[in-house]
Amino acid sequence: MQCKMQLIITTGTNLYSSSFAVVLHSKLIYLQDPNLPFYIGRVSAHPHLQFTMPLLIVFTLLLFLRIPPASDATTDTIMAGQALAVNNKLVSKNGRYALGFFETRGTTNWYLGIWFNTVPKFTTAWVANRDKPIKTTTSLELIISHDGNLVIQNSSTKSIIWSTHAKITRNNTTATLLSSGNFILANSSNSIEVLWQSFDHPTDTFFLGQNLDWTRLPA
């Protein structure tokens, strides 16, 4: 005999849901995750334990499943009113690329850029402020400004260090790191309308699917 059950656990704003098959074999109940190739636990099927079964199931699942805290959550998008700080990063949906602030080894220079997220050795693929390194990370953040452009700014002084300088008619934009490695600024109401993209401003890495404009290549 087999029945299905679902466990839903909430931590802050994150929701975790796992479906498990409860398989009855003689006097033992096995808890099996259909997505895993092994049993994750078993408990006695004695009739006196029928009312404690939910507690035993939850306890067993918590032993074998790691539920990450809210701070571990990653996103690929920045919307108006949100800020990407120095200790945060965007991660593309396929997990291949990440975007954030980084410091070059042996210097005090900081940059906003994209790197290969799955490569053991830190390797950059694109840099926004290549010609204008940042010397201090105090109050540093990447946001969508009041005019809809992406800007790196000092949140305390509101001084702008770098901007996309796109021609935007209205402030209704969203920035997304795509699975291709392209960082785009698009119309929030129509994501097909790309107003700015990192593929149009290459540094020293050529991405699959990127079209090169020789007039935009760095010296």
Protein backbone atom coordinates (compact mmCIF):
# COMPACT_ATOMS: atom_id res chain seq x y z
CA MET A 1 0.00 0.00 0.00
CA GLN A 2 1.29 3.45 -0.85
CA CYS A 3 -0.02 6.95 -0.20
CA LYS A 4 1.24 10.42 -1.03
CA MET A 5 1.89 13.27 1.33
CA GLN A 6 3.39 16.74 0.99
CA LEU A 7 5.50 18.70 3.47
CA ILE A 8 5.54 22.48 3.19
CA ILE A 9 7.99 24.47 5.31
CA THR A 10 8.25 28.24 5.39
CA THR A 11 11.30 30.25 6.47
CA GLY A 12 10.81 33.99 6.25
CA THR A 13 9.77 34.75 2.70
CA ASN A 14 10.97 31.41 1.30
CA LEU A 15 8.67 28.46 0.73
CA TYR A 16 9.94 24.91 0.53
CA SER A 17 7.74 22.04 -0.61
CA SER A 18 8.71 18.36 -0.91
CA SER A 19 6.51 15.43 -1.87
CA PHE A 20 7.29 12.05 -0.34
CA ALA A 21 5.90 8.57 -0.83
CA VAL A 22 4.98 6.80 2.39
CA VAL A 23 5.40 3.10 1.61
CA LEU A 24 4.00 0.54 4.04
CA HIS A 25 6.03 -2.66 4.30
CA SER A 26 4.99 -5.05 7.06
CA LYS A 27 5.57 -3.15 10.32
CA LEU A 28 7.86 -0.51 8.88
CA ILE A 29 7.03 2.74 7.11
CA TYR A 30 9.66 4.01 4.68
CA LEU A 31 9.88 7.68 3.76
CA GLN A 32 11.11 7.99 0.21
CA ASP A 33 11.70 11.12 -1.84
CA PRO A 34 10.78 10.30 -5.48
CA ASN A 35 13.58 12.63 -6.62
CA LEU A 36 16.29 10.82 -4.64
CA PRO A 37 17.68 7.29 -5.30
CA PHE A 38 17.61 6.28 -1.63
CA TYR A 39 15.35 6.08 1.40
CA ILE A 40 15.69 9.03 3.71
CA GLY A 41 14.35 7.34 6.83
CA ARG A 42 11.99 4.84 8.38
CA VAL A 43 9.78 4.66 11.45
CA SER A 44 7.74 1.95 13.16
CA ALA A 45 4.17 1.44 12.01
CA HIS A 46 2.93 0.38 15.45
CA PRO A 47 -0.73 1.50 15.92
CA HIS A 48 0.14 3.46 19.07
CA LEU A 49 2.34 5.77 16.99
CA GLN A 50 -0.32 6.75 14.49
CA PHE A 51 -0.90 10.13 16.14
CA THR A 52 2.83 10.92 16.39
CA MET A 53 3.57 10.05 12.78
CA PRO A 54 3.47 13.68 11.50
CA LEU A 55 6.03 14.74 14.12
CA LEU A 56 8.31 11.80 13.33
CA ILE A 57 8.09 12.53 9.62
CA VAL A 58 8.99 16.19 10.08
CA PHE A 59 11.88 15.28 12.40
CA THR A 60 13.25 12.76 9.90
CA LEU A 61 13.03 15.21 7.01
CA LEU A 62 14.79 17.95 8.93
CA LEU A 63 17.67 15.58 9.66
CA PHE A 64 18.25 14.79 6.02
CA LEU A 65 17.22 17.96 4.24
CA ARG A 66 19.11 21.23 4.50
CA ILE A 67 16.77 24.22 4.44
CA PRO A 68 18.83 27.29 3.49
CA PRO A 69 18.22 30.59 5.30
CA ALA A 70 16.66 33.52 3.48
CA SER A 71 20.10 35.11 3.03
CA ASP A 72 21.13 32.19 0.78
CA ALA A 73 18.42 33.00 -1.73
CA THR A 74 19.66 34.33 -5.06
CA THR A 75 17.94 36.17 -7.88
CA ASP A 76 18.77 37.18 -11.43
CA THR A 77 16.84 40.45 -11.41
CA ILE A 78 16.97 43.98 -10.01
CA MET A 79 13.77 46.00 -9.99
CA ALA A 80 13.11 49.65 -9.20
CA GLY A 81 13.48 50.26 -5.47
CA GLN A 82 15.95 47.39 -5.00
CA ALA A 83 19.73 47.67 -4.53
CA LEU A 84 22.60 45.28 -5.13
CA ALA A 85 25.17 45.84 -2.37
CA VAL A 86 28.83 44.82 -2.28
CA ASN A 87 28.13 41.53 -0.47
CA ASN A 88 25.30 40.52 -2.83
CA LYS A 89 25.22 39.12 -6.33
CA LEU A 90 22.85 38.20 -9.14
CA VAL A 91 22.98 34.64 -10.48
CA SER A 92 21.61 33.62 -13.87
CA LYS A 93 18.85 31.01 -13.85
CA ASN A 94 21.17 28.31 -15.15
CA GLY A 95 23.70 29.16 -12.41
CA ARG A 96 26.49 29.64 -14.93
CA TYR A 97 27.05 33.38 -14.46
CA ALA A 98 27.06 35.78 -11.51
CA LEU A 99 27.12 39.58 -11.37
CA GLY A 100 28.33 41.71 -8.50
CA PHE A 101 31.17 43.77 -7.10
CA PHE A 102 34.67 42.32 -6.89
CA GLU A 103 38.17 43.46 -5.98
CA THR A 104 41.18 42.72 -8.18
CA ARG A 105 43.96 40.81 -6.47
CA GLY A 106 46.84 42.88 -5.15
CA THR A 107 44.98 46.18 -5.51
CA THR A 108 42.27 48.20 -3.80
CA ASN A 109 40.33 48.57 -7.04
CA TRP A 110 36.69 47.46 -7.10
CA TYR A 111 34.58 46.76 -10.15
CA LEU A 112 31.07 45.71 -11.10
CA GLY A 113 31.21 42.74 -13.41
CA ILE A 114 30.08 39.31 -14.52
CA TRP A 115 32.07 36.18 -13.74
CA PHE A 116 31.80 32.44 -14.37
CA ASN A 117 29.93 31.21 -11.32
CA THR A 118 30.80 27.52 -11.68
CA VAL A 119 34.53 27.86 -12.38
CA PRO A 120 36.72 27.20 -9.28
CA LYS A 121 39.19 29.96 -10.17
CA PHE A 122 37.57 33.40 -10.14
CA THR A 123 37.38 34.46 -13.79
CA THR A 124 35.66 37.61 -15.00
CA ALA A 125 33.75 37.75 -18.27
CA TRP A 126 32.56 41.36 -18.37
CA VAL A 127 33.33 44.55 -16.44
CA ALA A 128 31.11 47.64 -16.29
CA ASN A 129 33.46 50.30 -14.92
CA ARG A 130 36.63 48.95 -16.50
CA ASP A 131 38.15 52.41 -16.99
CA LYS A 132 36.91 53.81 -13.69
CA PRO A 133 37.86 51.57 -10.74
CA ILE A 134 36.20 52.21 -7.39
CA LYS A 135 38.54 52.88 -4.46
CA THR A 136 36.11 52.48 -1.58
CA THR A 137 33.07 50.24 -1.09
CA THR A 138 31.46 52.38 1.61
CA SER A 139 27.75 52.78 0.78
CA LEU A 140 28.37 51.33 -2.70
CA GLU A 141 25.35 49.93 -4.53
CA LEU A 142 23.88 49.16 -7.95
CA ILE A 143 20.33 50.45 -8.43
CA ILE A 144 17.83 51.52 -11.06
CA SER A 145 17.81 55.32 -10.87
CA HIS A 146 14.86 57.68 -11.12
CA ASP A 147 15.35 57.97 -14.90
CA GLY A 148 15.24 54.17 -15.39
CA ASN A 149 18.98 53.69 -15.96
CA LEU A 150 21.24 51.34 -14.06
CA VAL A 151 23.74 53.25 -11.94
CA ILE A 152 26.52 52.50 -9.48
CA GLN A 153 26.26 55.07 -6.76
CA ASN A 154 27.30 56.00 -3.26
CA SER A 155 24.04 55.71 -1.35
CA SER A 156 25.18 58.27 1.24
CA THR A 157 26.29 61.06 -1.11
CA LYS A 158 24.13 59.97 -4.08
CA SER A 159 27.14 60.51 -6.33
CA ILE A 160 27.00 58.42 -9.51
CA ILE A 161 30.11 56.42 -10.43
CA TRP A 162 28.81 54.58 -13.52
CA SER A 163 25.59 54.57 -15.56
CA THR A 164 24.12 52.75 -18.54
CA HIS A 165 23.16 56.14 -20.10
CA ALA A 166 20.33 54.59 -22.09
CA LYS A 167 17.76 56.78 -23.79
CA ILE A 168 14.65 55.93 -21.77
CA THR A 169 11.37 57.77 -22.19
CA ARG A 170 9.81 56.58 -18.92
CA ASN A 171 10.98 55.05 -15.67
CA ASN A 172 9.68 51.51 -15.95
CA THR A 173 12.69 49.22 -16.24
CA THR A 174 14.05 45.94 -14.88
CA ALA A 175 17.63 44.61 -15.04
CA THR A 176 18.20 40.86 -15.53
CA LEU A 177 21.26 38.63 -15.83
CA LEU A 178 20.32 36.14 -18.52
CA SER A 179 21.50 32.54 -18.78
CA SER A 180 23.49 33.60 -21.87
CA GLY A 181 25.65 35.89 -19.72
CA ASN A 182 24.01 39.00 -21.13
CA PHE A 183 23.02 41.64 -18.55
CA ILE A 184 20.03 43.54 -19.90
CA LEU A 185 17.95 46.55 -18.95
CA ALA A 186 14.44 46.07 -20.32
CA ASN A 187 10.97 47.54 -20.20
CA SER A 188 9.21 46.05 -17.16
CA SER A 189 5.94 45.91 -19.08
CA ASN A 190 7.52 44.32 -22.16
CA SER A 191 10.71 42.33 -21.51
CA ILE A 192 11.30 41.97 -25.26
CA GLU A 193 12.03 45.70 -25.41
CA VAL A 194 15.71 45.76 -24.40
CA LEU A 195 16.92 49.31 -23.71
CA TRP A 196 20.53 48.45 -22.89
CA GLN A 197 22.61 45.26 -22.78
CA SER A 198 26.14 44.31 -21.78
CA PHE A 199 26.57 42.39 -25.07
CA ASP A 200 26.73 45.80 -26.78
CA HIS A 201 29.63 46.82 -24.54
CA PRO A 202 32.14 43.91 -24.67
CA THR A 203 35.38 43.85 -22.73
CA ASP A 204 37.69 40.89 -23.31
CA THR A 205 35.30 37.91 -23.45
CA PHE A 206 33.11 36.75 -26.33
CA PHE A 207 29.85 35.05 -25.30
CA LEU A 208 27.98 32.45 -27.31
CA GLY A 209 25.19 34.25 -29.16
CA GLN A 210 26.82 37.68 -28.87
CA ASN A 211 27.03 39.83 -31.99
CA LEU A 212 30.21 41.86 -32.19
CA ASP A 213 30.07 45.50 -33.24
CA TRP A 214 33.67 46.39 -34.11
CA THR A 215 33.01 50.05 -33.33
CA ARG A 216 32.28 49.14 -29.70
CA LEU A 217 35.32 46.94 -29.02
CA PRO A 218 37.68 48.22 -26.31
CA ALA A 219 41.09 49.49 -27.35
